[in-house]
Each structure stands twice: as structure tokens, then as C-alpha cells.
């Protein structure tokens, strides 16, 4: 069996109103969809990076650099292909858009391997469970709208959710307090501060959130280097009882080494679409388990294709230290006809389709219906 083609395309749909995820604002929901096709007619699908809005940079690396290098090779040799892609990026840079590109191909290769072997990916990785509790993740919006969405989520069966806050401590505390009052004490609340504070502001915020029974605080400190990221979050971890989480912006297992040595975070959050695919996300999750740490993979809510969600789900189901899965509050093209039989949360849990590969497939008319123009794949703002 040989790879005959690898292709990345931006697929999605425009939004009626922009959505803000911390520093990032998106005007469309969609992703960079990767297809790996073989000479036997099988096709694996994956997703590269957090959003279709990265396609102008990530897409050419897949289509013009990595694809020609892999065509003609055996797609079943995932480990060898992964290392070949990593080695090839040495001259371009080993973090950022190059790793996003590698990630999308790796996910597609795992989907393909599942189809070749007639097994779901989580079984190939070593199944640990068949279902996982989901947490609801709304965007940045006014307090009254988030409270309404949180109440609706609880009515739909969610028992956990993550709130996003920005740099105003008073506004952050007001939001978390209002949601806590609305949903009661039994709902687990996480808070994502999106690197909006310096370390002393993060300390003040964390101490306020401790009184609101917040389960974890995600990446509150703005850091411009990996050294500062580790040092400042470790400084914070030593001063509060609140659990800290992070790692969504780190790429490959090598950037997680010092986080583990320093016990910086209680929860690691690699994203399969950026850290290096399912292959590397599994390695990071296993590294976390050796330190008795939880791993709750990041799944970008700026996407909405449902492919990244499926990749994250299979990873989680293959690990024993993965108690939750992040679920986008607003759906997207994956639930609007781009996918056949997309994943759906039921009674607060997400279960896998018992089908080969990732268990999700693109509809026959996906390319036609959900093609995005060059204008709609330009980021509105920087960040995550």
C-alpha cells in the first residue's frame, strides 16, 4: 500500500457574528482539513491547527512541502513518517505552523490506519474507556448571555463547563460568581484566563476564584518565552491551592519536559491538531501520567469541523488520566452537514462511534458546500 496524494483544504462556514476566544476573534467556523489517499482507494482525514484562518500559512506547508515528500510511502509506518516530517522541518523551524501541518497529516494517517485494520483509533492506541464526561466551553460574551448559555447547558445534561475571562479581575469574578449562582455548587467550573495577566494579577485572580470553588485555572499569565511561561506559572502554583492547567500552545513532547520537572501544572492540555498529531499528544498524556498528572486535551472551539473533536476523543479514550473532553458550545459546519454522523454529547458524556478510524466521514458534497474563500481564511486578530 502506498500514499498517492496528500491534500489540505480550508472548509467551514461564515459566522453571523464574530466569536472571541481570548485573544483570537474568528469570523468563520472551520478548519484545515487534510486528506491522505492511498493506491487502494482508502482515504484518511485529519485536521491541522486550531482554525481554517491559519490556512494561508499552514496549507502550503502541507501541500507543497510535506505532501511531495510522503507520496509513494507506506501510510502504515506512522512513526517513521512522523519522524521524517519532524526532521524535514529543521530548516524551516520546529514549532508553530510547521508542527500544525505535521499534526494534520498524522491525524489523517491514524484515521487511515484504523480503516486499513478495521479498528477505531482508540483501540489501536490501547483502549482505556468507551466514554468521557464533556465540559461546555462558551466564548467571551457579556455576563447575562453566558449565564443563559450555562443554564441551558446544565439543562442539557452538562456537569462541567469552562468560562473564559480577560484582564479585568472584577469582571472575571463577576462572571464566575454569576454563573456559580445560576448553576449551583454541583457543576464543575474551570476558568480560562487566556494569558491576560502578569503574575501578580494572576495571583490576585486565583485567590478570588478559590472562594468560588473553581476547579482549575488555565494559563492566566502572559509569557513571551517558554522560560517565562514555566517560571511564572510555577511561581503562581506555589502560592495558591487552585489547580492550574496549561500547555495548549506548546508543540511536541520536548516542550513539556520542564513543565513536568517543575510540577508547573496539575493538568496538561496538549492539542492533537498542533502538538504533533495523535502520536505526540498520546506521548504527552503518557508523560503526564508518570507524574500522576491529569491530561485534558485542548480542542479548539474556533474550528467546529468535528474532526479535531473526534481526534481528541480517541486520544482521551486511550488514556487513563484523561477525565474530561472540551466541547464547543456553538457547533459549526461539522454539525451542519459537513460530516456524516458527527459526534453528539448525550447526558453530559461523549461516546465514540464504534467504526474504523476516527469514526467520522466528510459528506460527499463537503468541498462544494463548505469551501472558504481566501478572505474568510484571514485572521481577525492574533492569538489563540
Protein backbone atom coordinates (compact mmCIF):
# COMPACT_ATOMS: atom_id res chain seq x y z
CA UNK A 1 0.00 0.00 0.00
CA UNK A 2 1.28 3.44 -0.95
CA UNK A 3 0.24 7.07 -0.43
CA UNK A 4 -0.88 8.59 -3.73
CA UNK A 5 -1.84 12.08 -2.54
CA UNK A 6 -2.00 14.37 0.49
CA UNK A 7 -4.10 17.50 0.29
CA UNK A 8 -5.16 20.22 2.73
CA UNK A 9 -8.19 22.46 2.18
CA UNK A 10 -9.90 25.09 4.34
CA UNK A 11 -13.51 24.06 4.96
CA UNK A 12 -16.03 25.94 7.06
CA UNK A 13 -18.82 28.47 7.05
CA UNK A 14 -19.04 32.23 7.79
CA UNK A 15 -20.50 33.34 11.12
CA UNK A 16 -23.39 35.74 11.57
CA UNK A 17 -21.39 37.44 14.33
CA UNK A 18 -17.71 37.07 15.31
CA UNK A 19 -16.78 34.78 18.18
CA UNK A 20 -13.99 35.70 20.58
CA UNK A 21 -11.78 33.08 22.20
CA UNK A 22 -9.49 35.16 24.37
CA UNK A 23 -7.06 36.99 22.07
CA UNK A 24 -8.43 35.30 18.95
CA UNK A 25 -11.52 36.52 17.12
CA UNK A 26 -12.94 34.39 14.30
CA UNK A 27 -15.42 35.37 11.62
CA UNK A 28 -15.91 31.81 10.37
CA UNK A 29 -16.07 28.36 11.92
CA UNK A 30 -13.96 25.80 10.12
CA UNK A 31 -10.66 24.02 9.90
CA UNK A 32 -7.81 22.93 7.68
CA UNK A 33 -8.99 19.50 6.56
CA UNK A 34 -6.30 17.05 5.46
CA UNK A 35 -6.89 14.02 3.24
CA UNK A 36 -4.37 11.20 2.77
CA UNK A 37 -5.32 8.93 -0.15
CA UNK A 38 -3.84 5.51 -0.98
CA UNK A 39 -3.46 3.43 -4.14
CA UNK A 40 -6.15 1.12 -2.75
CA UNK A 41 -8.72 3.90 -2.65
CA UNK A 42 -8.81 4.39 1.12
CA UNK A 43 -8.82 7.96 2.44
CA UNK A 44 -7.85 9.16 5.91
CA UNK A 45 -8.95 12.57 7.18
CA UNK A 46 -7.32 14.87 9.70
CA UNK A 47 -7.28 18.48 10.84
CA UNK A 48 -4.31 20.84 11.11
CA UNK A 49 -4.19 23.63 13.66
CA UNK A 50 -6.87 25.50 15.53
CA UNK A 51 -8.76 27.19 12.71
CA UNK A 52 -9.30 27.50 8.96
CA UNK A 53 -7.96 31.04 9.34
CA UNK A 54 -4.42 29.62 9.51
CA UNK A 55 -4.69 28.03 6.05
CA UNK A 56 -2.67 30.70 4.14
CA UNK A 57 0.41 29.68 6.15
CA UNK A 58 -0.24 26.05 7.18
CA UNK A 59 -1.83 24.88 3.92
CA UNK A 60 1.20 25.45 1.66
CA UNK A 61 3.48 23.55 4.05
CA UNK A 62 1.22 20.50 3.76
CA UNK A 63 0.50 20.77 0.05
CA UNK A 64 3.87 21.94 -1.24
CA UNK A 65 6.45 20.69 1.27
CA UNK A 66 5.32 17.63 3.24
CA UNK A 67 2.97 16.00 0.72
CA UNK A 68 5.56 15.51 -2.07
CA UNK A 69 7.96 14.03 0.47
CA UNK A 70 5.46 11.38 1.67
CA UNK A 71 3.77 10.37 -1.60
CA UNK A 72 4.82 6.85 -2.55
CA UNK A 73 5.48 5.74 1.02
CA UNK A 74 3.59 3.19 3.11
CA UNK A 75 0.98 5.05 5.23
CA UNK A 76 1.05 2.33 7.89
CA UNK A 77 4.52 3.41 9.04
CA UNK A 78 3.16 6.29 11.10
CA UNK A 79 6.13 6.56 13.45
CA UNK A 80 8.67 6.69 10.62
CA UNK A 81 6.63 9.23 8.67
CA UNK A 82 6.19 11.38 11.79
CA UNK A 83 9.95 11.47 12.38
CA UNK A 84 10.61 12.20 8.72
CA UNK A 85 8.27 15.19 8.82
CA UNK A 86 9.83 16.48 12.04
CA UNK A 87 13.33 16.13 10.65
CA UNK A 88 12.33 17.89 7.43
CA UNK A 89 11.13 20.97 9.32
CA UNK A 90 14.59 21.55 10.81
CA UNK A 91 15.41 24.14 8.16
CA UNK A 92 12.04 25.94 8.46
CA UNK A 93 11.56 25.96 12.23
CA UNK A 94 10.35 23.24 14.57
CA UNK A 95 7.44 24.96 16.24
CA UNK A 96 4.38 26.81 15.01
CA UNK A 97 2.84 26.35 11.62
CA UNK A 98 5.23 23.52 10.69
CA UNK A 99 4.04 21.44 13.64
CA UNK A 100 0.41 22.30 12.87
CA UNK A 101 0.98 20.88 9.37
CA UNK A 102 2.64 17.73 10.68
CA UNK A 103 -0.25 17.28 13.14
CA UNK A 104 -2.94 17.31 10.47
CA UNK A 105 -1.18 14.66 8.41
CA UNK A 106 -0.53 12.49 11.48
CA UNK A 107 -4.23 12.53 12.44
CA UNK A 108 -5.19 11.56 8.89
CA UNK A 109 -2.68 8.70 8.98
CA UNK A 110 -4.23 7.34 12.18
CA UNK A 111 -7.70 7.56 10.65
CA UNK A 112 -6.36 5.71 7.63
CA UNK A 113 -4.69 3.03 9.76
CA UNK A 114 -7.99 2.43 11.53
CA UNK A 115 -9.72 1.93 8.20
CA UNK A 116 -6.97 -0.40 6.96
CA UNK A 117 -7.17 -2.54 10.11
CA UNK A 118 -10.96 -2.17 10.55
CA UNK A 119 -10.50 -0.80 14.09
CA UNK A 120 -11.34 2.51 15.79
CA UNK A 121 -8.26 4.57 16.59
CA UNK A 122 -8.63 4.38 20.37
CA UNK A 123 -8.37 0.57 20.19
CA UNK A 124 -5.20 0.81 18.12
CA UNK A 125 -3.77 3.15 20.77
CA UNK A 126 -4.86 0.86 23.62
CA UNK A 127 -8.43 1.49 24.75
CA UNK A 128 -8.91 2.56 28.36
CA UNK A 129 -12.61 3.53 28.30
CA UNK A 130 -15.54 3.99 25.92
CA UNK A 131 -16.97 7.31 27.10
CA UNK A 132 -15.83 10.52 28.80
CA UNK A 133 -17.54 13.39 30.59
CA UNK A 134 -17.81 16.53 28.47
CA UNK A 135 -17.39 20.13 29.54
CA UNK A 136 -19.22 23.01 27.89
CA UNK A 137 -16.98 25.84 26.62
CA UNK A 138 -18.69 29.13 25.70
CA UNK A 139 -16.84 32.08 24.16
CA UNK A 140 -16.22 35.57 25.58
CA UNK A 141 -19.62 37.29 25.85
CA UNK A 142 -21.49 39.59 28.25
CA UNK A 143 -22.34 38.07 31.63
CA UNK A 144 -26.09 37.79 31.04
CA UNK A 145 -25.59 35.84 27.80
CA UNK A 146 -23.09 33.44 29.36
CA UNK A 147 -25.41 32.84 32.33
CA UNK A 148 -28.21 31.99 29.93
CA UNK A 149 -25.96 29.62 27.96
CA UNK A 150 -24.71 27.99 31.18
CA UNK A 151 -28.25 27.35 32.42
CA UNK A 152 -29.14 25.81 29.06
CA UNK A 153 -26.03 23.60 29.18
CA UNK A 154 -26.96 22.25 32.61
CA UNK A 155 -30.48 21.55 31.37
CA UNK A 156 -28.90 19.60 28.50
CA UNK A 157 -27.01 17.40 30.95
CA UNK A 158 -23.59 19.03 31.28
CA UNK A 159 -21.98 18.78 34.73
CA UNK A 160 -18.84 20.78 33.88
CA UNK A 161 -18.02 23.91 31.93
CA UNK A 162 -15.14 26.32 31.29
CA UNK A 163 -15.58 30.09 31.37
CA UNK A 164 -13.31 32.49 29.51
CA UNK A 165 -12.20 35.71 31.17
CA UNK A 166 -9.99 38.62 30.13
CA UNK A 167 -7.73 41.03 32.02
CA UNK A 168 -10.29 42.78 34.24
CA UNK A 169 -10.25 40.94 37.57
CA UNK A 170 -13.52 42.48 38.76
CA UNK A 171 -15.30 41.48 35.55
CA UNK A 172 -13.83 37.97 35.75
CA UNK A 173 -15.01 37.47 39.33
CA UNK A 174 -18.44 38.88 38.45
CA UNK A 175 -18.84 36.40 35.59
CA UNK A 176 -17.73 33.36 37.56
CA UNK A 177 -19.87 34.35 40.54
CA UNK A 178 -22.95 34.89 38.37
CA UNK A 179 -22.55 31.52 36.68
CA UNK A 180 -21.91 29.80 40.01
CA UNK A 181 -25.13 31.30 41.40
CA UNK A 182 -27.01 30.22 38.26
CA UNK A 183 -25.82 26.60 38.03
CA UNK A 184 -25.26 25.75 41.70
CA UNK A 185 -22.40 24.08 43.53
CA UNK A 186 -22.64 20.68 41.84
CA UNK A 187 -21.38 21.89 38.44
CA UNK A 188 -17.61 21.85 37.97
CA UNK A 189 -16.32 25.24 36.77
CA UNK A 190 -13.00 25.84 35.10
CA UNK A 191 -11.70 29.28 34.09
CA UNK A 192 -9.51 30.09 31.09
CA UNK A 193 -7.74 33.43 31.52
CA UNK A 194 -6.05 33.28 28.11
CA UNK A 195 -2.73 34.72 29.29
CA UNK A 196 -4.39 38.01 30.20
CA UNK A 197 -2.43 38.87 33.38
CA UNK A 198 1.03 39.43 34.75
CA UNK A 199 1.93 37.05 37.57
CA UNK A 200 0.72 39.30 40.40
CA UNK A 201 -2.58 39.93 38.67
CA UNK A 202 -2.91 36.18 38.14
CA UNK A 203 -2.24 35.62 41.84
CA UNK A 204 -4.98 38.07 42.81
CA UNK A 205 -7.40 36.45 40.37
CA UNK A 206 -6.60 32.94 41.59
CA UNK A 207 -7.20 33.87 45.22
CA UNK A 208 -10.59 35.35 44.29
CA UNK A 209 -11.54 32.23 42.33
CA UNK A 210 -10.61 29.88 45.17
CA UNK A 211 -13.62 31.19 47.08
CA UNK A 212 -15.91 30.42 44.15
CA UNK A 213 -14.99 26.71 44.09
CA UNK A 214 -13.29 26.92 40.71
CA UNK A 215 -11.90 23.53 39.70
CA UNK A 216 -8.97 24.79 37.62
CA UNK A 217 -7.44 27.99 36.21
CA UNK A 218 -5.96 27.82 32.72
CA UNK A 219 -2.89 29.78 31.58
CA UNK A 220 -3.52 33.11 33.35
CA UNK A 221 -0.03 34.62 32.86
CA UNK A 222 1.16 36.32 29.68
CA UNK A 223 4.56 34.87 28.72
CA UNK A 224 6.76 35.69 25.75
CA UNK A 225 9.18 32.79 26.19
CA UNK A 226 8.98 29.19 27.34
CA UNK A 227 11.27 30.03 30.26
CA UNK A 228 8.94 32.78 31.50
CA UNK A 229 5.89 30.58 30.86
CA UNK A 230 7.29 27.87 33.13
CA UNK A 231 8.88 30.13 35.76
CA UNK A 232 5.89 32.44 36.27
CA UNK A 233 3.24 29.71 36.31
CA UNK A 234 5.38 27.68 38.72
CA UNK A 235 5.67 30.76 40.94
CA UNK A 236 1.87 31.02 40.92
CA UNK A 237 1.34 27.30 41.55
CA UNK A 238 3.47 27.54 44.70
CA UNK A 239 1.19 30.27 46.14
CA UNK A 240 -2.36 29.02 45.55
CA UNK A 241 -4.35 25.87 46.23
CA UNK A 242 -6.27 26.22 42.97
CA UNK A 243 -5.24 23.70 40.32
CA UNK A 244 -3.54 25.21 37.27
CA UNK A 245 -3.67 23.94 33.70
CA UNK A 246 -1.83 24.72 30.50
CA UNK A 247 0.09 23.52 27.50
CA UNK A 248 -2.25 24.16 24.57
CA UNK A 249 0.34 26.38 22.88
CA UNK A 250 3.27 24.00 23.39
CA UNK A 251 4.48 21.89 20.50
CA UNK A 252 5.97 18.38 20.68
CA UNK A 253 6.72 16.48 23.88
CA UNK A 254 10.08 18.18 24.23
CA UNK A 255 8.49 21.47 25.33
CA UNK A 256 6.67 19.69 28.16
CA UNK A 257 9.76 18.28 29.86
CA UNK A 258 10.48 21.22 32.17
CA UNK A 259 6.77 21.66 32.96
CA UNK A 260 6.79 18.14 34.36
CA UNK A 261 10.09 18.52 36.20
CA UNK A 262 8.86 21.72 37.87
CA UNK A 263 5.32 20.42 38.50
CA UNK A 264 4.07 23.68 36.99
CA UNK A 265 0.59 22.48 36.09
CA UNK A 266 -1.79 19.96 37.61
CA UNK A 267 -3.47 19.44 34.21
CA UNK A 268 -1.71 19.29 30.84
CA UNK A 269 -3.61 20.38 27.73
CA UNK A 270 -1.88 19.36 24.50
CA UNK A 271 -3.92 19.75 21.31
CA UNK A 272 -3.62 16.91 18.78
CA UNK A 273 -4.03 19.35 15.87
CA UNK A 274 -0.97 21.37 16.88
CA UNK A 275 1.29 19.46 19.30
CA UNK A 276 2.28 16.88 16.69
CA UNK A 277 -0.89 14.92 16.00
CA UNK A 278 -2.41 12.00 17.84
CA UNK A 279 1.03 10.36 18.02
CA UNK A 280 2.60 13.19 20.00
CA UNK A 281 -0.47 14.05 22.08
CA UNK A 282 -0.52 10.44 23.31
CA UNK A 283 3.13 10.70 24.29
CA UNK A 284 2.44 13.89 26.26
CA UNK A 285 -0.55 12.29 28.02
CA UNK A 286 1.58 9.29 28.97
CA UNK A 287 4.35 11.57 30.22
CA UNK A 288 1.77 13.34 32.42
CA UNK A 289 0.60 10.01 33.84
CA UNK A 290 4.11 9.18 35.04
CA UNK A 291 3.87 12.26 37.29
CA UNK A 292 0.30 11.44 38.40
CA UNK A 293 -1.00 14.46 36.49
CA UNK A 294 -4.25 14.76 34.57
CA UNK A 295 -4.37 15.42 30.85
CA UNK A 296 -7.40 17.25 29.43
CA UNK A 297 -6.51 17.86 25.78
CA UNK A 298 -7.29 21.25 24.30
CA UNK A 299 -9.79 21.11 21.44
CA UNK A 300 -10.06 24.38 19.57
CA UNK A 301 -13.51 25.93 19.67
CA UNK A 302 -12.55 28.13 16.71
CA UNK A 303 -12.83 25.09 14.45
CA UNK A 304 -16.19 23.34 14.58
CA UNK A 305 -15.42 20.74 11.92
CA UNK A 306 -15.87 17.88 14.38
CA UNK A 307 -12.69 16.21 13.10
CA UNK A 308 -10.47 17.65 15.84
CA UNK A 309 -13.11 16.64 18.39
CA UNK A 310 -13.03 13.05 17.11
CA UNK A 311 -9.21 13.00 17.23
CA UNK A 312 -9.24 14.33 20.80
CA UNK A 313 -11.88 11.82 21.83
CA UNK A 314 -9.92 8.81 20.58
CA UNK A 315 -6.82 10.09 22.35
CA UNK A 316 -8.75 10.52 25.60
CA UNK A 317 -10.33 7.08 25.38
CA UNK A 318 -6.87 5.54 25.10
CA UNK A 319 -5.57 7.15 28.33
CA UNK A 320 -6.42 6.57 31.99
CA UNK A 321 -5.54 10.09 33.17
CA UNK A 322 -8.00 11.97 30.89
CA UNK A 323 -11.21 12.73 32.83
CA UNK A 324 -12.83 15.37 30.59
CA UNK A 325 -13.24 16.47 26.97
CA UNK A 326 -13.72 20.06 25.78
CA UNK A 327 -16.84 20.62 23.67
CA UNK A 328 -17.53 23.73 21.61
CA UNK A 329 -20.72 25.45 22.73
CA UNK A 330 -21.70 26.59 19.24
CA UNK A 331 -21.26 23.65 16.89
CA UNK A 332 -20.19 24.54 13.38
CA UNK A 333 -20.02 23.08 9.89
CA UNK A 334 -19.37 19.57 11.18
CA UNK A 335 -22.89 19.53 12.59
CA UNK A 336 -24.40 21.44 9.65
CA UNK A 337 -23.82 18.77 7.01
CA UNK A 338 -20.05 18.71 6.51
CA UNK A 339 -19.71 15.42 8.40
CA UNK A 340 -21.70 12.24 8.17
CA UNK A 341 -22.90 11.28 11.68
CA UNK A 342 -20.93 13.84 13.77
CA UNK A 343 -20.28 13.25 17.48
CA UNK A 344 -23.01 14.46 19.84
CA UNK A 345 -22.93 14.87 23.64
CA UNK A 346 -25.61 12.84 25.41
CA UNK A 347 -26.44 13.35 29.10
CA UNK A 348 -23.17 15.20 29.60
CA UNK A 349 -20.95 12.46 28.10
CA UNK A 350 -19.32 11.90 24.73
CA UNK A 351 -19.02 8.37 23.39
CA UNK A 352 -17.12 7.12 20.38
CA UNK A 353 -18.70 5.75 17.21
CA UNK A 354 -17.68 2.09 17.04
CA UNK A 355 -16.42 2.46 13.49
CA UNK A 356 -12.99 2.15 11.85
CA UNK A 357 -10.61 5.10 12.15
CA UNK A 358 -11.89 8.30 13.72
CA UNK A 359 -15.48 7.24 13.05
CA UNK A 360 -16.44 10.43 11.23
CA UNK A 361 -16.54 11.00 7.46
CA UNK A 362 -16.83 14.02 5.21
CA UNK A 363 -20.08 14.29 3.28
CA UNK A 364 -19.77 13.79 -0.48
CA UNK A 365 -20.54 17.47 -1.13
CA UNK A 366 -18.41 18.88 1.73
CA UNK A 367 -15.84 20.51 -0.53
CA UNK A 368 -18.50 22.24 -2.58
CA UNK A 369 -20.77 23.34 0.26
CA UNK A 370 -18.12 24.41 2.77
CA UNK A 371 -15.29 25.81 0.64
CA UNK A 372 -13.91 29.01 2.19
CA UNK A 373 -12.60 31.95 0.18
CA UNK A 374 -9.19 33.49 0.74
CA UNK A 375 -10.83 36.44 2.51
CA UNK A 376 -12.59 34.20 5.04
CA UNK A 377 -9.34 32.46 6.00
CA UNK A 378 -7.61 35.61 7.19
CA UNK A 379 -7.38 36.01 10.98
CA UNK A 380 -9.21 38.95 12.51
CA UNK A 381 -6.79 39.11 15.43
CA UNK A 382 -3.72 37.34 16.68
CA UNK A 383 -3.51 34.80 19.46
CA UNK A 384 -5.10 31.50 20.25
